Amino acid sequence: MTQSHLVSLLQPFQPGAVSACSIPLFGDSEMFFFPWYPALMLAVESNNVIDIRLRKIATGGVNAADEAHLMVREKVNAAMEARSMLMTGGNPADIIAFYRKQVAANASRLS
């Protein structure tokens, strides 16, 4: 694997982008060469959002009660959407991509 391939694997999630090291899995969808990589990145990205959110709440940057209510509402809505995706034939790669988009939106909102 070349250095440019490794660099492309470490780039943040970009909707619609396809990695240079991707292979088709589950029909139309694309996953990175390492099937666990998107799940790993979801864990890292969501951890960063949790950190940002807790820092803002702890320092008084946002109204803690409003942010907590928004956080729970977002989680419930995302879980319901993921459930409907699975029920209509979605696959794990689609669910992970969906959650990564949600996490990216939260990171942008909180930054």
PDB file of N, CA and C in Angstrom:
ATOM      1  N   MET A   1       0.857  -1.170   0.000  1.00  0.00           N
ATOM      2  CA  MET A   1       0.000   0.000   0.000  1.00  0.00           C
ATOM      3  C   MET A   1       0.903   1.233   0.000  1.00  0.00           C
ATOM      4  N   THR A   2       0.627   2.172  -0.889  1.00  0.00           N
ATOM      5  CA  THR A   2       1.464   3.354  -0.999  1.00  0.00           C
ATOM      6  C   THR A   2       1.079   4.387   0.041  1.00  0.00           C
ATOM      7  N   GLN A   3       1.938   5.389   0.183  1.00  0.00           N
ATOM      8  CA  GLN A   3       1.668   6.443   1.154  1.00  0.00           C
ATOM      9  C   GLN A   3       0.409   7.219   0.777  1.00  0.00           C
ATOM     10  N   SER A   4       0.173   7.455  -0.509  1.00  0.00           N
ATOM     11  CA  SER A   4      -1.025   8.191  -0.916  1.00  0.00           C
ATOM     12  C   SER A   4      -2.293   7.412  -0.578  1.00  0.00           C
ATOM     13  N   HIS A   5      -2.228   6.071  -0.665  1.00  0.00           N
ATOM     14  CA  HIS A   5      -3.382   5.271  -0.268  1.00  0.00           C
ATOM     15  C   HIS A   5      -3.642   5.402   1.228  1.00  0.00           C
ATOM     16  N   LEU A   6      -2.576   5.397   2.024  1.00  0.00           N
ATOM     17  CA  LEU A   6      -2.745   5.541   3.469  1.00  0.00           C
ATOM     18  C   LEU A   6      -3.301   6.905   3.821  1.00  0.00           C
ATOM     19  N   VAL A   7      -2.821   7.953   3.136  1.00  0.00           N
ATOM     20  CA  VAL A   7      -3.324   9.300   3.397  1.00  0.00           C
ATOM     21  C   VAL A   7      -4.808   9.376   3.064  1.00  0.00           C
ATOM     22  N   SER A   8      -5.227   8.748   1.950  1.00  0.00           N
ATOM     23  CA  SER A   8      -6.641   8.801   1.584  1.00  0.00           C
ATOM     24  C   SER A   8      -7.506   8.077   2.607  1.00  0.00           C
ATOM     25  N   LEU A   9      -6.973   7.059   3.264  1.00  0.00           N
ATOM     26  CA  LEU A   9      -7.736   6.357   4.295  1.00  0.00           C
ATOM     27  C   LEU A   9      -7.944   7.197   5.543  1.00  0.00           C
ATOM     28  N   LEU A  10      -7.037   8.130   5.795  1.00  0.00           N
ATOM     29  CA  LEU A  10      -7.105   8.922   7.019  1.00  0.00           C
ATOM     30  C   LEU A  10      -7.891  10.212   6.860  1.00  0.00           C
ATOM     31  N   GLN A  11      -8.432  10.484   5.686  1.00  0.00           N
ATOM     32  CA  GLN A  11      -9.202  11.697   5.456  1.00  0.00           C
ATOM     33  C   GLN A  11     -10.545  11.593   6.161  1.00  0.00           C
ATOM     34  N   PRO A  12     -11.080  12.739   6.658  1.00  0.00           N
ATOM     35  CA  PRO A  12     -12.402  12.705   7.288  1.00  0.00           C
ATOM     36  C   PRO A  12     -13.483  12.321   6.277  1.00  0.00           C
ATOM     37  N   PHE A  13     -14.619  11.909   6.771  1.00  0.00           N
ATOM     38  CA  PHE A  13     -15.719  11.455   5.926  1.00  0.00           C
ATOM     39  C   PHE A  13     -16.207  12.587   5.047  1.00  0.00           C
ATOM     40  N   GLN A  14     -16.316  12.312   3.764  1.00  0.00           N
ATOM     41  CA  GLN A  14     -16.885  13.245   2.804  1.00  0.00           C
ATOM     42  C   GLN A  14     -18.027  12.522   2.107  1.00  0.00           C
ATOM     43  N   PRO A  15     -19.276  12.995   2.274  1.00  0.00           N
ATOM     44  CA  PRO A  15     -20.392  12.313   1.622  1.00  0.00           C
ATOM     45  C   PRO A  15     -20.172  12.209   0.118  1.00  0.00           C
ATOM     46  N   GLY A  16     -20.406  11.052  -0.432  1.00  0.00           N
ATOM     47  CA  GLY A  16     -20.263  10.839  -1.862  1.00  0.00           C
ATOM     48  C   GLY A  16     -18.856  10.518  -2.308  1.00  0.00           C
ATOM     49  N   ALA A  17     -17.866  10.694  -1.437  1.00  0.00           N
ATOM     50  CA  ALA A  17     -16.481  10.420  -1.814  1.00  0.00           C
ATOM     51  C   ALA A  17     -16.209   8.932  -1.729  1.00  0.00           C
ATOM     52  N   VAL A  18     -15.357   8.465  -2.597  1.00  0.00           N
ATOM     53  CA  VAL A  18     -14.972   7.065  -2.602  1.00  0.00           C
ATOM     54  C   VAL A  18     -13.468   7.001  -2.411  1.00  0.00           C
ATOM     55  N   SER A  19     -13.024   6.187  -1.502  1.00  0.00           N
ATOM     56  CA  SER A  19     -11.601   6.035  -1.226  1.00  0.00           C
ATOM     57  C   SER A  19     -10.899   5.349  -2.387  1.00  0.00           C
ATOM     58  N   ALA A  20      -9.625   5.653  -2.550  1.00  0.00           N
ATOM     59  CA  ALA A  20      -8.828   4.982  -3.568  1.00  0.00           C
ATOM     60  C   ALA A  20      -8.644   3.516  -3.237  1.00  0.00           C
ATOM     61  N   CYS A  21      -8.853   3.143  -1.984  1.00  0.00           N
ATOM     62  CA  CYS A  21      -8.662   1.757  -1.534  1.00  0.00           C
ATOM     63  C   CYS A  21      -9.994   1.135  -1.189  1.00  0.00           C
ATOM     64  N   SER A  22     -10.957   1.253  -2.084  1.00  0.00           N
ATOM     65  CA  SER A  22     -12.255   0.689  -1.755  1.00  0.00           C
ATOM     66  C   SER A  22     -12.549  -0.527  -2.618  1.00  0.00           C
ATOM     67  N   ILE A  23     -13.351  -1.398  -2.055  1.00  0.00           N
ATOM     68  CA  ILE A  23     -13.813  -2.558  -2.797  1.00  0.00           C
ATOM     69  C   ILE A  23     -15.312  -2.624  -2.628  1.00  0.00           C
ATOM     70  N   PRO A  24     -16.021  -3.113  -3.628  1.00  0.00           N
ATOM     71  CA  PRO A  24     -17.471  -3.183  -3.493  1.00  0.00           C
ATOM     72  C   PRO A  24     -17.882  -4.298  -2.538  1.00  0.00           C
ATOM     73  N   LEU A  25     -18.777  -3.961  -1.653  1.00  0.00           N
ATOM     74  CA  LEU A  25     -19.387  -4.936  -0.761  1.00  0.00           C
ATOM     75  C   LEU A  25     -20.882  -4.667  -0.736  1.00  0.00           C
ATOM     76  N   PHE A  26     -21.685  -5.664  -0.528  1.00  0.00           N
ATOM     77  CA  PHE A  26     -23.129  -5.500  -0.378  1.00  0.00           C
ATOM     78  C   PHE A  26     -23.760  -4.826  -1.599  1.00  0.00           C
ATOM     79  N   GLY A  27     -23.423  -5.252  -2.783  1.00  0.00           N
ATOM     80  CA  GLY A  27     -24.074  -4.708  -3.971  1.00  0.00           C
ATOM     81  C   GLY A  27     -23.488  -3.376  -4.394  1.00  0.00           C
ATOM     82  N   ASP A  28     -24.324  -2.332  -4.379  1.00  0.00           N
ATOM     83  CA  ASP A  28     -23.919  -1.024  -4.891  1.00  0.00           C
ATOM     84  C   ASP A  28     -22.975  -0.271  -3.973  1.00  0.00           C
ATOM     85  N   SER A  29     -23.047  -0.503  -2.687  1.00  0.00           N
ATOM     86  CA  SER A  29     -22.311   0.325  -1.741  1.00  0.00           C
ATOM     87  C   SER A  29     -20.818   0.048  -1.807  1.00  0.00           C
ATOM     88  N   GLU A  30     -20.063   1.024  -1.383  1.00  0.00           N
ATOM     89  CA  GLU A  30     -18.615   0.916  -1.338  1.00  0.00           C
ATOM     90  C   GLU A  30     -18.173   1.014   0.109  1.00  0.00           C
ATOM     91  N   MET A  31     -17.228   0.187   0.475  1.00  0.00           N
ATOM     92  CA  MET A  31     -16.600   0.301   1.784  1.00  0.00           C
ATOM     93  C   MET A  31     -15.110   0.374   1.557  1.00  0.00           C
ATOM     94  N   PHE A  32     -14.414   0.886   2.524  1.00  0.00           N
ATOM     95  CA  PHE A  32     -12.971   0.954   2.424  1.00  0.00           C
ATOM     96  C   PHE A  32     -12.380  -0.455   2.373  1.00  0.00           C
ATOM     97  N   PHE A  33     -11.136  -0.524   1.965  1.00  0.00           N
ATOM     98  CA  PHE A  33     -10.450  -1.806   1.849  1.00  0.00           C
ATOM     99  C   PHE A  33     -10.560  -2.594   3.145  1.00  0.00           C
ATOM    100  N   PHE A  34     -10.429  -1.927   4.253  1.00  0.00           N
ATOM    101  CA  PHE A  34     -10.599  -2.568   5.547  1.00  0.00           C
ATOM    102  C   PHE A  34     -12.058  -2.390   5.966  1.00  0.00           C
ATOM    103  N   PRO A  35     -12.847  -3.440   6.053  1.00  0.00           N
ATOM    104  CA  PRO A  35     -14.273  -3.293   6.342  1.00  0.00           C
ATOM    105  C   PRO A  35     -14.555  -2.639   7.689  1.00  0.00           C
ATOM    106  N   TRP A  36     -13.635  -2.716   8.632  1.00  0.00           N
ATOM    107  CA  TRP A  36     -13.864  -2.156   9.959  1.00  0.00           C
ATOM    108  C   TRP A  36     -13.510  -0.679  10.024  1.00  0.00           C
ATOM    109  N   TYR A  37     -12.856  -0.148   9.006  1.00  0.00           N
ATOM    110  CA  TYR A  37     -12.378   1.233   9.059  1.00  0.00           C
ATOM    111  C   TYR A  37     -13.507   2.253   9.252  1.00  0.00           C
ATOM    112  N   PRO A  38     -14.615   2.209   8.502  1.00  0.00           N
ATOM    113  CA  PRO A  38     -15.682   3.193   8.737  1.00  0.00           C
ATOM    114  C   PRO A  38     -16.232   3.138  10.162  1.00  0.00           C
ATOM    115  N   ALA A  39     -16.340   1.950  10.730  1.00  0.00           N
ATOM    116  CA  ALA A  39     -16.828   1.830  12.112  1.00  0.00           C
ATOM    117  C   ALA A  39     -15.830   2.437  13.085  1.00  0.00           C
ATOM    118  N   LEU A  40     -14.562   2.212  12.841  1.00  0.00           N
ATOM    119  CA  LEU A  40     -13.520   2.810  13.679  1.00  0.00           C
ATOM    120  C   LEU A  40     -13.576   4.332  13.596  1.00  0.00           C
ATOM    121  N   MET A  41     -13.712   4.856  12.389  1.00  0.00           N
ATOM    122  CA  MET A  41     -13.781   6.313  12.230  1.00  0.00           C
ATOM    123  C   MET A  41     -15.038   6.889  12.878  1.00  0.00           C
ATOM    124  N   LEU A  42     -16.142   6.164  12.824  1.00  0.00           N
ATOM    125  CA  LEU A  42     -17.352   6.605  13.514  1.00  0.00           C
ATOM    126  C   LEU A  42     -17.095   6.731  15.004  1.00  0.00           C
ATOM    127  N   ALA A  43     -16.403   5.769  15.585  1.00  0.00           N
ATOM    128  CA  ALA A  43     -16.095   5.815  17.013  1.00  0.00           C
ATOM    129  C   ALA A  43     -15.211   7.013  17.338  1.00  0.00           C
ATOM    130  N   VAL A  44     -14.203   7.260  16.532  1.00  0.00           N
ATOM    131  CA  VAL A  44     -13.288   8.378  16.787  1.00  0.00           C
ATOM    132  C   VAL A  44     -14.011   9.712  16.611  1.00  0.00           C
ATOM    133  N   GLU A  45     -14.761   9.852  15.521  1.00  0.00           N
ATOM    134  CA  GLU A  45     -15.460  11.114  15.253  1.00  0.00           C
ATOM    135  C   GLU A  45     -16.527  11.401  16.305  1.00  0.00           C
ATOM    136  N   SER A  46     -17.270  10.383  16.713  1.00  0.00           N
ATOM    137  CA  SER A  46     -18.303  10.619  17.720  1.00  0.00           C
ATOM    138  C   SER A  46     -17.680  10.946  19.073  1.00  0.00           C
ATOM    139  N   ASN A  47     -16.530  10.362  19.368  1.00  0.00           N
ATOM    140  CA  ASN A  47     -15.833  10.705  20.608  1.00  0.00           C
ATOM    141  C   ASN A  47     -15.431  12.184  20.606  1.00  0.00           C
ATOM    142  N   ASN A  48     -14.995  12.685  19.463  1.00  0.00           N
ATOM    143  CA  ASN A  48     -14.638  14.101  19.369  1.00  0.00           C
ATOM    144  C   ASN A  48     -15.856  14.990  19.580  1.00  0.00           C
ATOM    145  N   VAL A  49     -16.999  14.612  19.027  1.00  0.00           N
ATOM    146  CA  VAL A  49     -18.218  15.401  19.215  1.00  0.00           C
ATOM    147  C   VAL A  49     -18.645  15.384  20.678  1.00  0.00           C
ATOM    148  N   ILE A  50     -18.539  14.237  21.332  1.00  0.00           N
ATOM    149  CA  ILE A  50     -18.872  14.154  22.759  1.00  0.00           C
ATOM    150  C   ILE A  50     -17.965  15.088  23.554  1.00  0.00           C
ATOM    151  N   ASP A  51     -16.685  15.095  23.223  1.00  0.00           N
ATOM    152  CA  ASP A  51     -15.732  15.972  23.900  1.00  0.00           C
ATOM    153  C   ASP A  51     -16.101  17.442  23.718  1.00  0.00           C
ATOM    154  N   ILE A  52     -16.378  17.838  22.492  1.00  0.00           N
ATOM    155  CA  ILE A  52     -16.749  19.233  22.215  1.00  0.00           C
ATOM    156  C   ILE A  52     -18.008  19.609  22.976  1.00  0.00           C
ATOM    157  N   ARG A  53     -19.013  18.728  22.918  1.00  0.00           N
ATOM    158  CA  ARG A  53     -20.300  19.013  23.563  1.00  0.00           C
ATOM    159  C   ARG A  53     -20.141  19.151  25.080  1.00  0.00           C
ATOM    160  N   LEU A  54     -19.413  18.235  25.699  1.00  0.00           N
ATOM    161  CA  LEU A  54     -19.244  18.296  27.155  1.00  0.00           C
ATOM    162  C   LEU A  54     -18.430  19.507  27.585  1.00  0.00           C
ATOM    163  N   ARG A  55     -17.432  19.870  26.790  1.00  0.00           N
ATOM    164  CA  ARG A  55     -16.652  21.078  27.117  1.00  0.00           C
ATOM    165  C   ARG A  55     -17.524  22.324  27.055  1.00  0.00           C
ATOM    166  N   LYS A  56     -18.365  22.417  26.025  1.00  0.00           N
ATOM    167  CA  LYS A  56     -19.247  23.584  25.903  1.00  0.00           C
ATOM    168  C   LYS A  56     -20.246  23.640  27.059  1.00  0.00           C
ATOM    169  N   ILE A  57     -20.785  22.486  27.431  1.00  0.00           N
ATOM    170  CA  ILE A  57     -21.737  22.456  28.544  1.00  0.00           C
ATOM    171  C   ILE A  57     -21.027  22.827  29.846  1.00  0.00           C
ATOM    172  N   ALA A  58     -19.835  22.273  30.080  1.00  0.00           N
ATOM    173  CA  ALA A  58     -19.113  22.510  31.332  1.00  0.00           C
ATOM    174  C   ALA A  58     -18.656  23.961  31.476  1.00  0.00           C
ATOM    175  N   THR A  59     -18.322  24.604  30.376  1.00  0.00           N
ATOM    176  CA  THR A  59     -17.838  25.990  30.453  1.00  0.00           C
ATOM    177  C   THR A  59     -18.948  27.013  30.306  1.00  0.00           C
ATOM    178  N   GLY A  60     -20.179  26.546  30.153  1.00  0.00           N
ATOM    179  CA  GLY A  60     -21.284  27.474  30.028  1.00  0.00           C
ATOM    180  C   GLY A  60     -21.444  28.034  28.626  1.00  0.00           C
ATOM    181  N   GLY A  61     -20.827  27.395  27.637  1.00  0.00           N
ATOM    182  CA  GLY A  61     -20.907  27.867  26.261  1.00  0.00           C
ATOM    183  C   GLY A  61     -22.287  27.714  25.649  1.00  0.00           C
ATOM    184  N   VAL A  62     -23.051  26.786  26.141  1.00  0.00           N
ATOM    185  CA  VAL A  62     -24.415  26.580  25.661  1.00  0.00           C
ATOM    186  C   VAL A  62     -25.304  26.331  26.873  1.00  0.00           C
ATOM    187  N   ASN A  63     -26.591  26.475  26.672  1.00  0.00           N
ATOM    188  CA  ASN A  63     -27.533  26.154  27.732  1.00  0.00           C
ATOM    189  C   ASN A  63     -27.538  24.638  27.895  1.00  0.00           C
ATOM    190  N   ALA A  64     -27.108  24.162  29.035  1.00  0.00           N
ATOM    191  CA  ALA A  64     -26.923  22.726  29.263  1.00  0.00           C
ATOM    192  C   ALA A  64     -28.221  21.939  29.076  1.00  0.00           C
ATOM    193  N   ALA A  65     -29.317  22.447  29.584  1.00  0.00           N
ATOM    194  CA  ALA A  65     -30.588  21.720  29.470  1.00  0.00           C
ATOM    195  C   ALA A  65     -31.030  21.628  28.010  1.00  0.00           C
ATOM    196  N   ASP A  66     -30.921  22.729  27.281  1.00  0.00           N
ATOM    197  CA  ASP A  66     -31.309  22.702  25.863  1.00  0.00           C
ATOM    198  C   ASP A  66     -30.426  21.758  25.063  1.00  0.00           C
ATOM    199  N   GLU A  67     -29.131  21.792  25.339  1.00  0.00           N
ATOM    200  CA  GLU A  67     -28.203  20.924  24.614  1.00  0.00           C
ATOM    201  C   GLU A  67     -28.466  19.452  24.945  1.00  0.00           C
ATOM    202  N   ALA A  68     -28.762  19.152  26.182  1.00  0.00           N
ATOM    203  CA  ALA A  68     -29.060  17.767  26.566  1.00  0.00           C
ATOM    204  C   ALA A  68     -30.338  17.271  25.887  1.00  0.00           C
ATOM    205  N   HIS A  69     -31.359  18.118  25.841  1.00  0.00           N
ATOM    206  CA  HIS A  69     -32.609  17.738  25.177  1.00  0.00           C
ATOM    207  C   HIS A  69     -32.391  17.536  23.677  1.00  0.00           C
ATOM    208  N   LEU A  70     -31.613  18.435  23.066  1.00  0.00           N
ATOM    209  CA  LEU A  70     -31.312  18.304  21.647  1.00  0.00           C
ATOM    210  C   LEU A  70     -30.537  17.015  21.373  1.00  0.00           C
ATOM    211  N   MET A  71     -29.584  16.711  22.243  1.00  0.00           N
ATOM    212  CA  MET A  71     -28.766  15.513  22.082  1.00  0.00           C
ATOM    213  C   MET A  71     -29.638  14.254  22.121  1.00  0.00           C
ATOM    214  N   VAL A  72     -30.537  14.171  23.076  1.00  0.00           N
ATOM    215  CA  VAL A  72     -31.406  12.997  23.192  1.00  0.00           C
ATOM    216  C   VAL A  72     -32.345  12.916  21.988  1.00  0.00           C
ATOM    217  N   ARG A  73     -32.906  14.051  21.590  1.00  0.00           N
ATOM    218  CA  ARG A  73     -33.805  14.070  20.436  1.00  0.00           C
ATOM    219  C   ARG A  73     -33.081  13.594  19.168  1.00  0.00           C
ATOM    220  N   GLU A  74     -31.851  14.075  18.975  1.00  0.00           N
ATOM    221  CA  GLU A  74     -31.067  13.662  17.801  1.00  0.00           C
ATOM    222  C   GLU A  74     -30.791  12.158  17.830  1.00  0.00           C
ATOM    223  N   LYS A  75     -30.464  11.636  18.999  1.00  0.00           N
ATOM    224  CA  LYS A  75     -30.158  10.205  19.106  1.00  0.00           C
ATOM    225  C   LYS A  75     -31.385   9.349  18.816  1.00  0.00           C
ATOM    226  N   VAL A  76     -32.535   9.741  19.337  1.00  0.00           N
ATOM    227  CA  VAL A  76     -33.764   8.988  19.094  1.00  0.00           C
ATOM    228  C   VAL A  76     -34.128   9.047  17.616  1.00  0.00           C
ATOM    229  N   ASN A  77     -34.051  10.230  17.012  1.00  0.00           N
ATOM    230  CA  ASN A  77     -34.378  10.363  15.593  1.00  0.00           C
ATOM    231  C   ASN A  77     -33.422   9.549  14.722  1.00  0.00           C
ATOM    232  N   ALA A  78     -32.132   9.575  15.045  1.00  0.00           N
ATOM    233  CA  ALA A  78     -31.152   8.814  14.270  1.00  0.00           C
ATOM    234  C   ALA A  78     -31.398   7.314  14.417  1.00  0.00           C
ATOM    235  N   ALA A  79     -31.727   6.862  15.608  1.00  0.00           N
ATOM    236  CA  ALA A  79     -31.996   5.437  15.817  1.00  0.00           C
ATOM    237  C   ALA A  79     -33.237   4.996  15.050  1.00  0.00           C
ATOM    238  N   MET A  80     -34.259   5.837  15.021  1.00  0.00           N
ATOM    239  CA  MET A  80     -35.467   5.504  14.271  1.00  0.00           C
ATOM    240  C   MET A  80     -35.175   5.459  12.772  1.00  0.00           C
ATOM    241  N   GLU A  81     -34.376   6.380  12.287  1.00  0.00           N
ATOM    242  CA  GLU A  81     -34.004   6.382  10.874  1.00  0.00           C
ATOM    243  C   GLU A  81     -33.174   5.139  10.528  1.00  0.00           C
ATOM    244  N   ALA A  82     -32.229   4.788  11.383  1.00  0.00           N
ATOM    245  CA  ALA A  82     -31.411   3.596  11.155  1.00  0.00           C
ATOM    246  C   ALA A  82     -32.278   2.340  11.157  1.00  0.00           C
ATOM    247  N   ARG A  83     -33.232   2.289  12.059  1.00  0.00           N
ATOM    248  CA  ARG A  83     -34.142   1.146  12.114  1.00  0.00           C
ATOM    249  C   ARG A  83     -34.934   1.030  10.819  1.00  0.00           C
ATOM    250  N   SER A  84     -35.440   2.150  10.326  1.00  0.00           N
ATOM    251  CA  SER A  84     -36.209   2.090   9.080  1.00  0.00           C
ATOM    252  C   SER A  84     -35.320   1.722   7.897  1.00  0.00           C
ATOM    253  N   MET A  85     -34.055   2.163   7.919  1.00  0.00           N
ATOM    254  CA  MET A  85     -33.132   1.770   6.854  1.00  0.00           C
ATOM    255  C   MET A  85     -32.922   0.262   6.857  1.00  0.00           C
ATOM    256  N   LEU A  86     -32.746  -0.317   8.038  1.00  0.00           N
ATOM    257  CA  LEU A  86     -32.570  -1.770   8.137  1.00  0.00           C
ATOM    258  C   LEU A  86     -33.821  -2.524   7.707  1.00  0.00           C
ATOM    259  N   MET A  87     -34.977  -2.011   8.084  1.00  0.00           N
ATOM    260  CA  MET A  87     -36.226  -2.678   7.749  1.00  0.00           C
ATOM    261  C   MET A  87     -36.516  -2.647   6.258  1.00  0.00           C
ATOM    262  N   THR A  88     -35.976  -1.661   5.558  1.00  0.00           N
ATOM    263  CA  THR A  88     -36.204  -1.561   4.116  1.00  0.00           C
ATOM    264  C   THR A  88     -35.054  -2.157   3.312  1.00  0.00           C
ATOM    265  N   GLY A  89     -34.187  -2.924   3.969  1.00  0.00           N
ATOM    266  CA  GLY A  89     -33.140  -3.627   3.249  1.00  0.00           C
ATOM    267  C   GLY A  89     -31.782  -2.963   3.281  1.00  0.00           C
ATOM    268  N   GLY A  90     -31.589  -1.976   4.136  1.00  0.00           N
ATOM    269  CA  GLY A  90     -30.282  -1.336   4.260  1.00  0.00           C
ATOM    270  C   GLY A  90     -29.256  -2.307   4.814  1.00  0.00           C
ATOM    271  N   ASN A  91     -28.003  -1.979   4.628  1.00  0.00           N
ATOM    272  CA  ASN A  91     -26.942  -2.844   5.135  1.00  0.00           C
ATOM    273  C   ASN A  91     -26.103  -2.089   6.163  1.00  0.00           C
ATOM    274  N   PRO A  92     -25.248  -2.773   6.888  1.00  0.00           N
ATOM    275  CA  PRO A  92     -24.451  -2.119   7.926  1.00  0.00           C
ATOM    276  C   PRO A  92     -23.603  -0.959   7.413  1.00  0.00           C
ATOM    277  N   ALA A  93     -23.087  -1.067   6.201  1.00  0.00           N
ATOM    278  CA  ALA A  93     -22.282   0.026   5.641  1.00  0.00           C
ATOM    279  C   ALA A  93     -23.111   1.290   5.490  1.00  0.00           C
ATOM    280  N   ASP A  94     -24.367   1.147   5.066  1.00  0.00           N
ATOM    281  CA  ASP A  94     -25.247   2.304   4.920  1.00  0.00           C
ATOM    282  C   ASP A  94     -25.565   2.936   6.277  1.00  0.00           C
ATOM    283  N   ILE A  95     -25.775   2.107   7.278  1.00  0.00           N
ATOM    284  CA  ILE A  95     -26.083   2.607   8.621  1.00  0.00           C
ATOM    285  C   ILE A  95     -24.886   3.368   9.187  1.00  0.00           C
ATOM    286  N   ILE A  96     -23.702   2.825   9.026  1.00  0.00           N
ATOM    287  CA  ILE A  96     -22.501   3.506   9.527  1.00  0.00           C
ATOM    288  C   ILE A  96     -22.303   4.825   8.805  1.00  0.00           C
ATOM    289  N   ALA A  97     -22.498   4.842   7.480  1.00  0.00           N
ATOM    290  CA  ALA A  97     -22.365   6.090   6.714  1.00  0.00           C
ATOM    291  C   ALA A  97     -23.397   7.116   7.176  1.00  0.00           C
ATOM    292  N   PHE A  98     -24.616   6.664   7.448  1.00  0.00           N
ATOM    293  CA  PHE A  98     -25.666   7.562   7.948  1.00  0.00           C
ATOM    294  C   PHE A  98     -25.267   8.182   9.281  1.00  0.00           C
ATOM    295  N   TYR A  99     -24.790   7.368  10.207  1.00  0.00           N
ATOM    296  CA  TYR A  99     -24.385   7.885  11.509  1.00  0.00           C
ATOM    297  C   TYR A  99     -23.186   8.824  11.386  1.00  0.00           C
ATOM    298  N   ARG A 100     -22.272   8.524  10.478  1.00  0.00           N
ATOM    299  CA  ARG A 100     -21.115   9.417  10.296  1.00  0.00           C
ATOM    300  C   ARG A 100     -21.557  10.784   9.778  1.00  0.00           C
ATOM    301  N   LYS A 101     -22.575  10.818   8.920  1.00  0.00           N
ATOM    302  CA  LYS A 101     -23.103  12.101   8.449  1.00  0.00           C
ATOM    303  C   LYS A 101     -23.718  12.885   9.602  1.00  0.00           C
ATOM    304  N   GLN A 102     -24.438  12.181  10.477  1.00  0.00           N
ATOM    305  CA  GLN A 102     -25.059  12.839  11.629  1.00  0.00           C
ATOM    306  C   GLN A 102     -23.991  13.407  12.562  1.00  0.00           C
ATOM    307  N   VAL A 103     -22.948  12.631  12.786  1.00  0.00           N
ATOM    308  CA  VAL A 103     -21.854  13.069  13.664  1.00  0.00           C
ATOM    309  C   VAL A 103     -21.133  14.274  13.047  1.00  0.00           C
ATOM    310  N   ALA A 104     -20.906  14.246  11.740  1.00  0.00           N
ATOM    311  CA  ALA A 104     -20.268  15.372  11.062  1.00  0.00           C
ATOM    312  C   ALA A 104     -21.109  16.638  11.164  1.00  0.00           C
ATOM    313  N   ALA A 105     -22.418  16.502  11.053  1.00  0.00           N
ATOM    314  CA  ALA A 105     -23.307  17.657  11.194  1.00  0.00           C
ATOM    315  C   ALA A 105     -23.218  18.234  12.608  1.00  0.00           C
ATOM    316  N   ASN A 106     -23.178  17.371  13.612  1.00  0.00           N
ATOM    317  CA  ASN A 106     -23.048  17.842  14.987  1.00  0.00           C
ATOM    318  C   ASN A 106     -21.702  18.523  15.217  1.00  0.00           C
ATOM    319  N   ALA A 107     -20.658  17.973  14.653  1.00  0.00           N
ATOM    320  CA  ALA A 107     -19.333  18.591  14.801  1.00  0.00           C
ATOM    321  C   ALA A 107     -19.324  19.985  14.198  1.00  0.00           C
ATOM    322  N   SER A 108     -19.943  20.138  13.036  1.00  0.00           N
ATOM    323  CA  SER A 108     -20.002  21.465  12.399  1.00  0.00           C
ATOM    324  C   SER A 108     -20.827  22.437  13.236  1.00  0.00           C
ATOM    325  N   ARG A 109     -21.947  21.971  13.760  1.00  0.00           N
ATOM    326  CA  ARG A 109     -22.815  22.836  14.564  1.00  0.00           C
ATOM    327  C   ARG A 109     -22.133  23.289  15.852  1.00  0.00           C
ATOM    328  N   LEU A 110     -21.406  22.394  16.476  1.00  0.00           N
ATOM    329  CA  LEU A 110     -20.788  22.710  17.770  1.00  0.00           C
ATOM    330  C   LEU A 110     -19.470  23.476  17.650  1.00  0.00           C
ATOM    331  N   SER A 111     -18.828  23.422  16.487  1.00  0.00           N
ATOM    332  CA  SER A 111     -17.534  24.092  16.336  1.00  0.00           C
ATOM    333  C   SER A 111     -17.674  25.582  16.122  1.00  0.00           C
TER     334      SER A 111
END
